[in-house]
């Protein structure tokens, strides 16, 4: 498997988060390919008959999945698994949660600043 060669100590949570990111990106880009196919079918119906073949669709999907898997591969080591402090339940922390945490810290600091400055920032 690709991720096992990239990350020797991959945990199940890291692989789970990686698969979530890959499938999310692949589904969006598959919809883009479908939109392109529909555009060609409606706007250029005769000229696109040679382009819109089953073979080209399979080639495009294989290229799409390969590109998405390769593009998301560097994110794999950045996923971590931890436990919640209250219940001790295991959870996976993705890259997106790090962004949410950073925004929460920014909001907390801004609130402290707004209390010290009259008419400060409001959230």
PDB file of N, CA and C in Angstrom:
ATOM      1  N   UNK A   1       0.842  -1.182   0.000  1.00  0.00           N
ATOM      2  CA  UNK A   1       0.000   0.000   0.000  1.00  0.00           C
ATOM      3  C   UNK A   1       0.886   1.243   0.000  1.00  0.00           C
ATOM      4  N   UNK A   2       0.429   2.268  -0.680  1.00  0.00           N
ATOM      5  CA  UNK A   2       1.227   3.477  -0.850  1.00  0.00           C
ATOM      6  C   UNK A   2       1.571   4.130   0.470  1.00  0.00           C
ATOM      7  N   UNK A   3       0.598   4.255   1.373  1.00  0.00           N
ATOM      8  CA  UNK A   3       0.851   5.001   2.606  1.00  0.00           C
ATOM      9  C   UNK A   3       1.800   4.242   3.521  1.00  0.00           C
ATOM     10  N   UNK A   4       1.826   2.914   3.448  1.00  0.00           N
ATOM     11  CA  UNK A   4       2.742   2.166   4.304  1.00  0.00           C
ATOM     12  C   UNK A   4       4.192   2.404   3.904  1.00  0.00           C
ATOM     13  N   UNK A   5       4.423   2.645   2.615  1.00  0.00           N
ATOM     14  CA  UNK A   5       5.784   2.951   2.198  1.00  0.00           C
ATOM     15  C   UNK A   5       6.165   4.386   2.543  1.00  0.00           C
ATOM     16  N   UNK A   6       5.184   5.286   2.633  1.00  0.00           N
ATOM     17  CA  UNK A   6       5.475   6.678   2.974  1.00  0.00           C
ATOM     18  C   UNK A   6       5.621   6.881   4.476  1.00  0.00           C
ATOM     19  N   UNK A   7       4.847   6.187   5.248  1.00  0.00           N
ATOM     20  CA  UNK A   7       4.842   6.353   6.687  1.00  0.00           C
ATOM     21  C   UNK A   7       4.959   4.969   7.317  1.00  0.00           C
ATOM     22  N   UNK A   8       6.139   4.629   7.809  1.00  0.00           N
ATOM     23  CA  UNK A   8       6.389   3.291   8.322  1.00  0.00           C
ATOM     24  C   UNK A   8       5.552   3.007   9.557  1.00  0.00           C
ATOM     25  N   UNK A   9       5.365   3.986  10.414  1.00  0.00           N
ATOM     26  CA  UNK A   9       4.634   3.790  11.659  1.00  0.00           C
ATOM     27  C   UNK A   9       3.204   4.319  11.576  1.00  0.00           C
ATOM     28  N   UNK A  10       2.523   4.061  10.471  1.00  0.00           N
ATOM     29  CA  UNK A  10       1.150   4.533  10.309  1.00  0.00           C
ATOM     30  C   UNK A  10       0.220   3.805  11.264  1.00  0.00           C
ATOM     31  N   UNK A  11      -0.630   4.558  11.902  1.00  0.00           N
ATOM     32  CA  UNK A  11      -1.649   3.947  12.739  1.00  0.00           C
ATOM     33  C   UNK A  11      -2.931   3.830  11.932  1.00  0.00           C
ATOM     34  N   UNK A  12      -3.862   3.094  12.456  1.00  0.00           N
ATOM     35  CA  UNK A  12      -5.135   2.927  11.768  1.00  0.00           C
ATOM     36  C   UNK A  12      -5.858   4.271  11.649  1.00  0.00           C
ATOM     37  N   UNK A  13      -5.731   5.123  12.652  1.00  0.00           N
ATOM     38  CA  UNK A  13      -6.362   6.441  12.604  1.00  0.00           C
ATOM     39  C   UNK A  13      -5.768   7.328  11.519  1.00  0.00           C
ATOM     40  N   UNK A  14      -4.461   7.258  11.332  1.00  0.00           N
ATOM     41  CA  UNK A  14      -3.817   8.044  10.284  1.00  0.00           C
ATOM     42  C   UNK A  14      -4.278   7.582   8.909  1.00  0.00           C
ATOM     43  N   UNK A  15      -4.353   6.284   8.706  1.00  0.00           N
ATOM     44  CA  UNK A  15      -4.800   5.758   7.421  1.00  0.00           C
ATOM     45  C   UNK A  15      -6.264   6.131   7.190  1.00  0.00           C
ATOM     46  N   UNK A  16      -7.061   6.063   8.237  1.00  0.00           N
ATOM     47  CA  UNK A  16      -8.476   6.434   8.148  1.00  0.00           C
ATOM     48  C   UNK A  16      -8.622   7.893   7.714  1.00  0.00           C
ATOM     49  N   UNK A  17      -7.894   8.798   8.339  1.00  0.00           N
ATOM     50  CA  UNK A  17      -7.964  10.214   7.972  1.00  0.00           C
ATOM     51  C   UNK A  17      -7.460  10.442   6.547  1.00  0.00           C
ATOM     52  N   UNK A  18      -6.429   9.707   6.154  1.00  0.00           N
ATOM     53  CA  UNK A  18      -5.888   9.823   4.802  1.00  0.00           C
ATOM     54  C   UNK A  18      -6.941   9.405   3.774  1.00  0.00           C
ATOM     55  N   UNK A  19      -7.616   8.300   4.031  1.00  0.00           N
ATOM     56  CA  UNK A  19      -8.641   7.817   3.107  1.00  0.00           C
ATOM     57  C   UNK A  19      -9.798   8.814   3.021  1.00  0.00           C
ATOM     58  N   UNK A  20     -10.151   9.433   4.132  1.00  0.00           N
ATOM     59  CA  UNK A  20     -11.213  10.447   4.115  1.00  0.00           C
ATOM     60  C   UNK A  20     -10.826  11.606   3.201  1.00  0.00           C
ATOM     61  N   UNK A  21      -9.605  12.092   3.324  1.00  0.00           N
ATOM     62  CA  UNK A  21      -9.158  13.211   2.489  1.00  0.00           C
ATOM     63  C   UNK A  21      -9.097  12.815   1.019  1.00  0.00           C
ATOM     64  N   UNK A  22      -8.583  11.625   0.743  1.00  0.00           N
ATOM     65  CA  UNK A  22      -8.452  11.180  -0.649  1.00  0.00           C
ATOM     66  C   UNK A  22      -9.827  11.054  -1.297  1.00  0.00           C
ATOM     67  N   UNK A  23     -10.768  10.411  -0.617  1.00  0.00           N
ATOM     68  CA  UNK A  23     -12.083  10.224  -1.226  1.00  0.00           C
ATOM     69  C   UNK A  23     -12.843  11.549  -1.366  1.00  0.00           C
ATOM     70  N   UNK A  24     -12.641  12.465  -0.436  1.00  0.00           N
ATOM     71  CA  UNK A  24     -13.302  13.770  -0.553  1.00  0.00           C
ATOM     72  C   UNK A  24     -12.792  14.523  -1.776  1.00  0.00           C
ATOM     73  N   UNK A  25     -11.469  14.560  -1.943  1.00  0.00           N
ATOM     74  CA  UNK A  25     -10.902  15.249  -3.102  1.00  0.00           C
ATOM     75  C   UNK A  25     -11.276  14.537  -4.403  1.00  0.00           C
ATOM     76  N   UNK A  26     -11.226  13.216  -4.402  1.00  0.00           N
ATOM     77  CA  UNK A  26     -11.536  12.475  -5.620  1.00  0.00           C
ATOM     78  C   UNK A  26     -12.994  12.665  -6.035  1.00  0.00           C
ATOM     79  N   UNK A  27     -13.897  12.736  -5.078  1.00  0.00           N
ATOM     80  CA  UNK A  27     -15.302  12.920  -5.445  1.00  0.00           C
ATOM     81  C   UNK A  27     -15.539  14.293  -6.056  1.00  0.00           C
ATOM     82  N   UNK A  28     -14.874  15.308  -5.542  1.00  0.00           N
ATOM     83  CA  UNK A  28     -15.028  16.655  -6.106  1.00  0.00           C
ATOM     84  C   UNK A  28     -14.486  16.695  -7.531  1.00  0.00           C
ATOM     85  N   UNK A  29     -13.299  16.141  -7.736  1.00  0.00           N
ATOM     86  CA  UNK A  29     -12.710  16.182  -9.071  1.00  0.00           C
ATOM     87  C   UNK A  29     -13.429  15.251 -10.041  1.00  0.00           C
ATOM     88  N   UNK A  30     -14.070  14.199  -9.557  1.00  0.00           N
ATOM     89  CA  UNK A  30     -14.896  13.363 -10.422  1.00  0.00           C
ATOM     90  C   UNK A  30     -16.099  14.159 -10.910  1.00  0.00           C
ATOM     91  N   UNK A  31     -16.690  14.961 -10.028  1.00  0.00           N
ATOM     92  CA  UNK A  31     -17.789  15.826 -10.458  1.00  0.00           C
ATOM     93  C   UNK A  31     -17.333  16.856 -11.486  1.00  0.00           C
ATOM     94  N   UNK A  32     -16.102  17.335 -11.353  1.00  0.00           N
ATOM     95  CA  UNK A  32     -15.564  18.272 -12.342  1.00  0.00           C
ATOM     96  C   UNK A  32     -15.435  17.579 -13.693  1.00  0.00           C
ATOM     97  N   UNK A  33     -14.941  16.340 -13.695  1.00  0.00           N
ATOM     98  CA  UNK A  33     -14.836  15.587 -14.954  1.00  0.00           C
ATOM     99  C   UNK A  33     -16.216  15.334 -15.558  1.00  0.00           C
ATOM    100  N   UNK A  34     -17.194  15.021 -14.720  1.00  0.00           N
ATOM    101  CA  UNK A  34     -18.551  14.811 -15.218  1.00  0.00           C
ATOM    102  C   UNK A  34     -19.123  16.096 -15.814  1.00  0.00           C
ATOM    103  N   UNK A  35     -18.842  17.219 -15.184  1.00  0.00           N
ATOM    104  CA  UNK A  35     -19.310  18.507 -15.711  1.00  0.00           C
ATOM    105  C   UNK A  35     -18.660  18.811 -17.054  1.00  0.00           C
ATOM    106  N   UNK A  36     -17.385  18.503 -17.180  1.00  0.00           N
ATOM    107  CA  UNK A  36     -16.695  18.708 -18.450  1.00  0.00           C
ATOM    108  C   UNK A  36     -17.301  17.814 -19.528  1.00  0.00           C
ATOM    109  N   UNK A  37     -17.603  16.583 -19.184  1.00  0.00           N
ATOM    110  CA  UNK A  37     -18.226  15.666 -20.135  1.00  0.00           C
ATOM    111  C   UNK A  37     -19.595  16.185 -20.580  1.00  0.00           C
ATOM    112  N   UNK A  38     -20.397  16.651 -19.642  1.00  0.00           N
ATOM    113  CA  UNK A  38     -21.722  17.188 -19.980  1.00  0.00           C
ATOM    114  C   UNK A  38     -21.595  18.456 -20.828  1.00  0.00           C
ATOM    115  N   UNK A  39     -20.612  19.302 -20.515  1.00  0.00           N
ATOM    116  CA  UNK A  39     -20.388  20.509 -21.313  1.00  0.00           C
ATOM    117  C   UNK A  39     -20.074  20.135 -22.756  1.00  0.00           C
ATOM    118  N   UNK A  40     -19.160  19.179 -22.937  1.00  0.00           N
ATOM    119  CA  UNK A  40     -18.811  18.762 -24.295  1.00  0.00           C
ATOM    120  C   UNK A  40     -20.003  18.140 -25.013  1.00  0.00           C
ATOM    121  N   UNK A  41     -20.820  17.380 -24.287  1.00  0.00           N
ATOM    122  CA  UNK A  41     -21.979  16.742 -24.908  1.00  0.00           C
ATOM    123  C   UNK A  41     -23.033  17.749 -25.353  1.00  0.00           C
ATOM    124  N   UNK A  42     -23.177  18.841 -24.607  1.00  0.00           N
ATOM    125  CA  UNK A  42     -24.218  19.824 -24.931  1.00  0.00           C
ATOM    126  C   UNK A  42     -23.720  20.868 -25.921  1.00  0.00           C
ATOM    127  N   UNK A  43     -22.535  21.399 -25.694  1.00  0.00           N
ATOM    128  CA  UNK A  43     -22.048  22.511 -26.511  1.00  0.00           C
ATOM    129  C   UNK A  43     -21.405  22.028 -27.814  1.00  0.00           C
ATOM    130  N   UNK A  44     -20.678  20.917 -27.755  1.00  0.00           N
ATOM    131  CA  UNK A  44     -19.993  20.389 -28.945  1.00  0.00           C
ATOM    132  C   UNK A  44     -20.367  18.916 -29.152  1.00  0.00           C
ATOM    133  N   UNK A  45     -21.615  18.617 -29.476  1.00  0.00           N
ATOM    134  CA  UNK A  45     -22.038  17.214 -29.522  1.00  0.00           C
ATOM    135  C   UNK A  45     -21.360  16.389 -30.615  1.00  0.00           C
ATOM    136  N   UNK A  46     -21.144  16.955 -31.768  1.00  0.00           N
ATOM    137  CA  UNK A  46     -20.566  16.183 -32.881  1.00  0.00           C
ATOM    138  C   UNK A  46     -19.049  16.090 -32.744  1.00  0.00           C
ATOM    139  N   UNK A  47     -18.410  17.224 -32.452  1.00  0.00           N
ATOM    140  CA  UNK A  47     -16.947  17.228 -32.342  1.00  0.00           C
ATOM    141  C   UNK A  47     -16.445  16.402 -31.171  1.00  0.00           C
ATOM    142  N   UNK A  48     -17.239  16.281 -30.113  1.00  0.00           N
ATOM    143  CA  UNK A  48     -16.756  15.579 -28.917  1.00  0.00           C
ATOM    144  C   UNK A  48     -16.991  14.072 -28.953  1.00  0.00           C
ATOM    145  N   UNK A  49     -17.578  13.544 -30.018  1.00  0.00           N
ATOM    146  CA  UNK A  49     -17.819  12.103 -30.091  1.00  0.00           C
ATOM    147  C   UNK A  49     -16.528  11.300 -30.054  1.00  0.00           C
ATOM    148  N   UNK A  50     -15.481  11.831 -30.645  1.00  0.00           N
ATOM    149  CA  UNK A  50     -14.204  11.107 -30.630  1.00  0.00           C
ATOM    150  C   UNK A  50     -13.465  11.262 -29.308  1.00  0.00           C
ATOM    151  N   UNK A  51     -13.767  12.316 -28.569  1.00  0.00           N
ATOM    152  CA  UNK A  51     -13.097  12.551 -27.279  1.00  0.00           C
ATOM    153  C   UNK A  51     -13.802  11.807 -26.158  1.00  0.00           C
ATOM    154  N   UNK A  52     -15.124  11.805 -26.185  1.00  0.00           N
ATOM    155  CA  UNK A  52     -15.913  11.220 -25.097  1.00  0.00           C
ATOM    156  C   UNK A  52     -16.134   9.725 -25.321  1.00  0.00           C
ATOM    157  N   UNK A  53     -15.085   8.944 -25.122  1.00  0.00           N
ATOM    158  CA  UNK A  53     -15.175   7.493 -25.267  1.00  0.00           C
ATOM    159  C   UNK A  53     -15.001   6.834 -23.902  1.00  0.00           C
ATOM    160  N   UNK A  54     -15.367   5.560 -23.833  1.00  0.00           N
ATOM    161  CA  UNK A  54     -15.210   4.818 -22.576  1.00  0.00           C
ATOM    162  C   UNK A  54     -13.733   4.727 -22.187  1.00  0.00           C
ATOM    163  N   UNK A  55     -12.876   4.509 -23.159  1.00  0.00           N
ATOM    164  CA  UNK A  55     -11.437   4.395 -22.883  1.00  0.00           C
ATOM    165  C   UNK A  55     -10.890   5.691 -22.296  1.00  0.00           C
ATOM    166  N   UNK A  56     -11.268   6.835 -22.869  1.00  0.00           N
ATOM    167  CA  UNK A  56     -10.796   8.117 -22.345  1.00  0.00           C
ATOM    168  C   UNK A  56     -11.347   8.399 -20.959  1.00  0.00           C
ATOM    169  N   UNK A  57     -12.566   7.955 -20.689  1.00  0.00           N
ATOM    170  CA  UNK A  57     -13.139   8.145 -19.354  1.00  0.00           C
ATOM    171  C   UNK A  57     -12.362   7.340 -18.318  1.00  0.00           C
ATOM    172  N   UNK A  58     -12.012   6.107 -18.655  1.00  0.00           N
ATOM    173  CA  UNK A  58     -11.241   5.272 -17.726  1.00  0.00           C
ATOM    174  C   UNK A  58      -9.850   5.861 -17.517  1.00  0.00           C
ATOM    175  N   UNK A  59      -9.216   6.311 -18.580  1.00  0.00           N
ATOM    176  CA  UNK A  59      -7.890   6.929 -18.461  1.00  0.00           C
ATOM    177  C   UNK A  59      -7.960   8.175 -17.584  1.00  0.00           C
ATOM    178  N   UNK A  60      -8.985   8.997 -17.764  1.00  0.00           N
ATOM    179  CA  UNK A  60      -9.128  10.217 -16.964  1.00  0.00           C
ATOM    180  C   UNK A  60      -9.344   9.886 -15.498  1.00  0.00           C
ATOM    181  N   UNK A  61     -10.162   8.868 -15.201  1.00  0.00           N
ATOM    182  CA  UNK A  61     -10.408   8.494 -13.802  1.00  0.00           C
ATOM    183  C   UNK A  61      -9.178   7.886 -13.146  1.00  0.00           C
ATOM    184  N   UNK A  62      -8.434   7.069 -13.877  1.00  0.00           N
ATOM    185  CA  UNK A  62      -7.198   6.500 -13.317  1.00  0.00           C
ATOM    186  C   UNK A  62      -6.192   7.615 -13.042  1.00  0.00           C
ATOM    187  N   UNK A  63      -6.056   8.553 -13.975  1.00  0.00           N
ATOM    188  CA  UNK A  63      -5.161   9.687 -13.763  1.00  0.00           C
ATOM    189  C   UNK A  63      -5.616  10.517 -12.565  1.00  0.00           C
ATOM    190  N   UNK A  64      -6.929  10.753 -12.459  1.00  0.00           N
ATOM    191  CA  UNK A  64      -7.472  11.548 -11.363  1.00  0.00           C
ATOM    192  C   UNK A  64      -7.161  10.902 -10.015  1.00  0.00           C
ATOM    193  N   UNK A  65      -7.454   9.608  -9.852  1.00  0.00           N
ATOM    194  CA  UNK A  65      -7.205   8.935  -8.583  1.00  0.00           C
ATOM    195  C   UNK A  65      -5.718   8.889  -8.263  1.00  0.00           C
ATOM    196  N   UNK A  66      -4.880   8.667  -9.270  1.00  0.00           N
ATOM    197  CA  UNK A  66      -3.430   8.652  -9.038  1.00  0.00           C
ATOM    198  C   UNK A  66      -2.945  10.020  -8.581  1.00  0.00           C
ATOM    199  N   UNK A  67      -3.428  11.069  -9.220  1.00  0.00           N
ATOM    200  CA  UNK A  67      -3.020  12.427  -8.851  1.00  0.00           C
ATOM    201  C   UNK A  67      -3.503  12.786  -7.444  1.00  0.00           C
ATOM    202  N   UNK A  68      -4.730  12.398  -7.091  1.00  0.00           N
ATOM    203  CA  UNK A  68      -5.263  12.723  -5.766  1.00  0.00           C
ATOM    204  C   UNK A  68      -4.506  11.954  -4.684  1.00  0.00           C
ATOM    205  N   UNK A  69      -4.227  10.687  -4.922  1.00  0.00           N
ATOM    206  CA  UNK A  69      -3.470   9.891  -3.939  1.00  0.00           C
ATOM    207  C   UNK A  69      -2.072  10.466  -3.751  1.00  0.00           C
ATOM    208  N   UNK A  70      -1.426  10.846  -4.848  1.00  0.00           N
ATOM    209  CA  UNK A  70      -0.080  11.414  -4.749  1.00  0.00           C
ATOM    210  C   UNK A  70      -0.089  12.796  -4.095  1.00  0.00           C
ATOM    211  N   UNK A  71      -1.097  13.596  -4.405  1.00  0.00           N
ATOM    212  CA  UNK A  71      -1.155  14.946  -3.840  1.00  0.00           C
ATOM    213  C   UNK A  71      -1.438  14.930  -2.339  1.00  0.00           C
ATOM    214  N   UNK A  72      -2.175  13.937  -1.859  1.00  0.00           N
ATOM    215  CA  UNK A  72      -2.493  13.851  -0.438  1.00  0.00           C
ATOM    216  C   UNK A  72      -1.455  13.063   0.353  1.00  0.00           C
ATOM    217  N   UNK A  73      -0.536  12.407  -0.296  1.00  0.00           N
ATOM    218  CA  UNK A  73       0.460  11.588   0.397  1.00  0.00           C
ATOM    219  C   UNK A  73       1.322  12.375   1.388  1.00  0.00           C
ATOM    220  N   UNK A  74       1.753  13.601   1.088  1.00  0.00           N
ATOM    221  CA  UNK A  74       2.557  14.332   2.071  1.00  0.00           C
ATOM    222  C   UNK A  74       1.809  14.678   3.359  1.00  0.00           C
ATOM    223  N   UNK A  75       0.471  14.632   3.346  1.00  0.00           N
ATOM    224  CA  UNK A  75      -0.301  14.954   4.546  1.00  0.00           C
ATOM    225  C   UNK A  75      -0.354  13.799   5.541  1.00  0.00           C
ATOM    226  N   UNK A  76      -0.041  12.596   5.095  1.00  0.00           N
ATOM    227  CA  UNK A  76      -0.210  11.412   5.933  1.00  0.00           C
ATOM    228  C   UNK A  76       0.516  11.488   7.271  1.00  0.00           C
ATOM    229  N   UNK A  77       1.773  11.907   7.342  1.00  0.00           N
ATOM    230  CA  UNK A  77       2.432  11.972   8.650  1.00  0.00           C
ATOM    231  C   UNK A  77       1.873  13.051   9.583  1.00  0.00           C
ATOM    232  N   UNK A  78       1.097  13.989   9.069  1.00  0.00           N
ATOM    233  CA  UNK A  78       0.583  15.081   9.889  1.00  0.00           C
ATOM    234  C   UNK A  78      -0.678  14.718  10.662  1.00  0.00           C
ATOM    235  N   UNK A  79      -1.251  13.574  10.380  1.00  0.00           N
ATOM    236  CA  UNK A  79      -2.413  13.127  11.143  1.00  0.00           C
ATOM    237  C   UNK A  79      -1.930  12.471  12.421  1.00  0.00           C
ATOM    238  N   UNK A  80      -2.680  12.665  13.494  1.00  0.00           N
ATOM    239  CA  UNK A  80      -2.296  12.043  14.760  1.00  0.00           C
ATOM    240  C   UNK A  80      -3.529  11.480  15.438  1.00  0.00           C
ATOM    241  N   UNK A  81      -3.298  10.596  16.370  1.00  0.00           N
ATOM    242  CA  UNK A  81      -4.373   9.962  17.118  1.00  0.00           C
ATOM    243  C   UNK A  81      -4.152  10.276  18.587  1.00  0.00           C
ATOM    244  N   UNK A  82      -5.216  10.639  19.304  1.00  0.00           N
ATOM    245  CA  UNK A  82      -5.098  10.970  20.713  1.00  0.00           C
ATOM    246  C   UNK A  82      -6.307  10.485  21.483  1.00  0.00           C
ATOM    247  N   UNK A  83      -6.372  10.846  22.724  1.00  0.00           N
ATOM    248  CA  UNK A  83      -7.531  10.494  23.548  1.00  0.00           C
ATOM    249  C   UNK A  83      -8.125  11.770  24.119  1.00  0.00           C
ATOM    250  N   UNK A  84      -9.428  11.764  24.306  1.00  0.00           N
ATOM    251  CA  UNK A  84     -10.075  12.923  24.905  1.00  0.00           C
ATOM    252  C   UNK A  84      -9.780  12.943  26.400  1.00  0.00           C
ATOM    253  N   UNK A  85      -9.577  14.108  26.990  1.00  0.00           N
ATOM    254  CA  UNK A  85      -9.212  14.165  28.408  1.00  0.00           C
ATOM    255  C   UNK A  85     -10.325  13.706  29.344  1.00  0.00           C
ATOM    256  N   UNK A  86     -11.579  13.883  28.969  1.00  0.00           N
ATOM    257  CA  UNK A  86     -12.676  13.568  29.877  1.00  0.00           C
ATOM    258  C   UNK A  86     -13.035  12.085  29.832  1.00  0.00           C
ATOM    259  N   UNK A  87     -13.359  11.587  28.642  1.00  0.00           N
ATOM    260  CA  UNK A  87     -13.850  10.212  28.554  1.00  0.00           C
ATOM    261  C   UNK A  87     -12.760   9.207  28.226  1.00  0.00           C
ATOM    262  N   UNK A  88     -11.612   9.648  27.755  1.00  0.00           N
ATOM    263  CA  UNK A  88     -10.546   8.736  27.386  1.00  0.00           C
ATOM    264  C   UNK A  88     -10.786   8.031  26.062  1.00  0.00           C
ATOM    265  N   UNK A  89     -11.783   8.479  25.296  1.00  0.00           N
ATOM    266  CA  UNK A  89     -12.077   7.858  24.011  1.00  0.00           C
ATOM    267  C   UNK A  89     -11.026   8.249  22.988  1.00  0.00           C
ATOM    268  N   UNK A  90     -10.727   7.339  22.091  1.00  0.00           N
ATOM    269  CA  UNK A  90      -9.724   7.577  21.054  1.00  0.00           C
ATOM    270  C   UNK A  90     -10.365   8.362  19.913  1.00  0.00           C
ATOM    271  N   UNK A  91      -9.658   9.355  19.398  1.00  0.00           N
ATOM    272  CA  UNK A  91     -10.137  10.123  18.257  1.00  0.00           C
ATOM    273  C   UNK A  91      -8.966  10.412  17.341  1.00  0.00           C
ATOM    274  N   UNK A  92      -9.273  10.724  16.081  1.00  0.00           N
ATOM    275  CA  UNK A  92      -8.248  11.063  15.099  1.00  0.00           C
ATOM    276  C   UNK A  92      -8.243  12.563  14.900  1.00  0.00           C
ATOM    277  N   UNK A  93      -7.062  13.153  14.970  1.00  0.00           N
ATOM    278  CA  UNK A  93      -6.924  14.583  14.733  1.00  0.00           C
ATOM    279  C   UNK A  93      -6.374  14.771  13.337  1.00  0.00           C
ATOM    280  N   UNK A  94      -7.139  15.433  12.502  1.00  0.00           N
ATOM    281  CA  UNK A  94      -6.700  15.700  11.147  1.00  0.00           C
ATOM    282  C   UNK A  94      -6.056  17.066  11.046  1.00  0.00           C
ATOM    283  N   UNK A  95      -5.610  17.390   9.850  1.00  0.00           N
ATOM    284  CA  UNK A  95      -5.007  18.689   9.598  1.00  0.00           C
ATOM    285  C   UNK A  95      -6.048  19.786   9.790  1.00  0.00           C
ATOM    286  N   UNK A  96      -7.300  19.522   9.422  1.00  0.00           N
ATOM    287  CA  UNK A  96      -8.363  20.511   9.559  1.00  0.00           C
ATOM    288  C   UNK A  96      -8.599  20.913  11.004  1.00  0.00           C
ATOM    289  N   UNK A  97      -8.475  19.967  11.935  1.00  0.00           N
ATOM    290  CA  UNK A  97      -8.671  20.298  13.342  1.00  0.00           C
ATOM    291  C   UNK A  97      -7.578  21.220  13.857  1.00  0.00           C
ATOM    292  N   UNK A  98      -6.390  21.106  13.311  1.00  0.00           N
ATOM    293  CA  UNK A  98      -5.314  22.007  13.709  1.00  0.00           C
ATOM    294  C   UNK A  98      -5.658  23.445  13.309  1.00  0.00           C
ATOM    295  N   UNK A  99      -6.299  23.613  12.172  1.00  0.00           N
ATOM    296  CA  UNK A  99      -6.709  24.944  11.733  1.00  0.00           C
ATOM    297  C   UNK A  99      -7.806  25.480  12.653  1.00  0.00           C
ATOM    298  N   UNK A 100      -8.748  24.611  13.023  1.00  0.00           N
ATOM    299  CA  UNK A 100      -9.819  25.026  13.930  1.00  0.00           C
ATOM    300  C   UNK A 100      -9.239  25.417  15.288  1.00  0.00           C
ATOM    301  N   UNK A 101      -8.270  24.630  15.788  1.00  0.00           N
ATOM    302  CA  UNK A 101      -7.620  24.966  17.052  1.00  0.00           C
ATOM    303  C   UNK A 101      -6.908  26.311  16.976  1.00  0.00           C
ATOM    304  N   UNK A 102      -6.232  26.568  15.865  1.00  0.00           N
ATOM    305  CA  UNK A 102      -5.519  27.834  15.714  1.00  0.00           C
ATOM    306  C   UNK A 102      -6.502  28.999  15.691  1.00  0.00           C
ATOM    307  N   UNK A 103      -7.658  28.829  15.022  1.00  0.00           N
ATOM    308  CA  UNK A 103      -8.657  29.892  15.002  1.00  0.00           C
ATOM    309  C   UNK A 103      -9.244  30.110  16.390  1.00  0.00           C
ATOM    310  N   UNK A 104      -9.461  29.022  17.143  1.00  0.00           N
ATOM    311  CA  UNK A 104     -10.007  29.161  18.501  1.00  0.00           C
ATOM    312  C   UNK A 104      -9.033  29.925  19.390  1.00  0.00           C
ATOM    313  N   UNK A 105      -7.736  29.656  19.261  1.00  0.00           N
ATOM    314  CA  UNK A 105      -6.740  30.387  20.044  1.00  0.00           C
ATOM    315  C   UNK A 105      -6.720  31.858  19.645  1.00  0.00           C
ATOM    316  N   UNK A 106      -6.826  32.123  18.329  1.00  0.00           N
ATOM    317  CA  UNK A 106      -6.860  33.506  17.860  1.00  0.00           C
ATOM    318  C   UNK A 106      -8.079  34.226  18.418  1.00  0.00           C
ATOM    319  N   UNK A 107      -9.232  33.559  18.398  1.00  0.00           N
ATOM    320  CA  UNK A 107     -10.467  34.161  18.893  1.00  0.00           C
ATOM    321  C   UNK A 107     -10.367  34.454  20.387  1.00  0.00           C
ATOM    322  N   UNK A 108      -9.740  33.524  21.133  1.00  0.00           N
ATOM    323  CA  UNK A 108      -9.575  33.724  22.575  1.00  0.00           C
ATOM    324  C   UNK A 108      -8.668  34.915  22.846  1.00  0.00           C
ATOM    325  N   UNK A 109      -7.576  35.032  22.116  1.00  0.00           N
ATOM    326  CA  UNK A 109      -6.662  36.159  22.309  1.00  0.00           C
ATOM    327  C   UNK A 109      -7.326  37.472  21.903  1.00  0.00           C
ATOM    328  N   UNK A 110      -8.133  37.434  20.836  1.00  0.00           N
ATOM    329  CA  UNK A 110      -8.829  38.641  20.401  1.00  0.00           C
ATOM    330  C   UNK A 110      -9.855  39.070  21.434  1.00  0.00           C
ATOM    331  N   UNK A 111     -10.502  38.103  22.085  1.00  0.00           N
ATOM    332  CA  UNK A 111     -11.477  38.434  23.117  1.00  0.00           C
ATOM    333  C   UNK A 111     -10.793  39.112  24.299  1.00  0.00           C
ATOM    334  N   UNK A 112      -9.637  38.609  24.682  1.00  0.00           N
ATOM    335  CA  UNK A 112      -8.887  39.231  25.774  1.00  0.00           C
ATOM    336  C   UNK A 112      -8.482  40.653  25.380  1.00  0.00           C
ATOM    337  N   UNK A 113      -8.070  40.817  24.138  1.00  0.00           N
ATOM    338  CA  UNK A 113      -7.695  42.141  23.654  1.00  0.00           C
ATOM    339  C   UNK A 113      -8.908  43.068  23.642  1.00  0.00           C
ATOM    340  N   UNK A 114     -10.066  42.556  23.232  1.00  0.00           N
ATOM    341  CA  UNK A 114     -11.248  43.412  23.139  1.00  0.00           C
ATOM    342  C   UNK A 114     -11.750  43.831  24.516  1.00  0.00           C
ATOM    343  N   UNK A 115     -11.488  43.038  25.531  1.00  0.00           N
ATOM    344  CA  UNK A 115     -11.894  43.434  26.878  1.00  0.00           C
ATOM    345  C   UNK A 115     -11.034  44.570  27.389  1.00  0.00           C
ATOM    346  N   UNK A 116      -9.779  44.640  26.913  1.00  0.00           N
ATOM    347  CA  UNK A 116      -8.863  45.671  27.399  1.00  0.00           C
ATOM    348  C   UNK A 116      -8.943  46.959  26.573  1.00  0.00           C
ATOM    349  N   UNK A 117      -9.540  46.898  25.396  1.00  0.00           N
ATOM    350  CA  UNK A 117      -9.642  48.072  24.539  1.00  0.00           C
ATOM    351  C   UNK A 117     -11.101  48.431  24.387  1.00  0.00           C
ATOM    352  N   UNK A 118     -11.423  49.693  24.647  1.00  0.00           N
ATOM    353  CA  UNK A 118     -12.817  50.119  24.544  1.00  0.00           C
ATOM    354  C   UNK A 118     -13.258  50.058  23.070  1.00  0.00           C
ATOM    355  N   UNK A 119     -14.418  49.409  22.843  1.00  0.00           N
ATOM    356  CA  UNK A 119     -14.923  49.272  21.462  1.00  0.00           C
ATOM    357  C   UNK A 119     -14.086  48.319  20.652  1.00  0.00           C
ATOM    358  N   UNK A 120     -13.506  47.280  21.286  1.00  0.00           N
ATOM    359  CA  UNK A 120     -12.615  46.342  20.606  1.00  0.00           C
ATOM    360  C   UNK A 120     -13.357  45.383  19.697  1.00  0.00           C
ATOM    361  N   UNK A 121     -12.701  44.324  19.343  1.00  0.00           N
ATOM    362  CA  UNK A 121     -13.245  43.340  18.413  1.00  0.00           C
ATOM    363  C   UNK A 121     -14.430  42.605  19.019  1.00  0.00           C
ATOM    364  N   UNK A 122     -15.420  42.356  18.235  1.00  0.00           N
ATOM    365  CA  UNK A 122     -16.600  41.601  18.667  1.00  0.00           C
ATOM    366  C   UNK A 122     -16.728  40.353  17.807  1.00  0.00           C
ATOM    367  N   UNK A 123     -16.965  39.209  18.428  1.00  0.00           N
ATOM    368  CA  UNK A 123     -17.182  37.967  17.679  1.00  0.00           C
ATOM    369  C   UNK A 123     -18.523  37.406  18.029  1.00  0.00           C
TER     370      UNK A 123
END
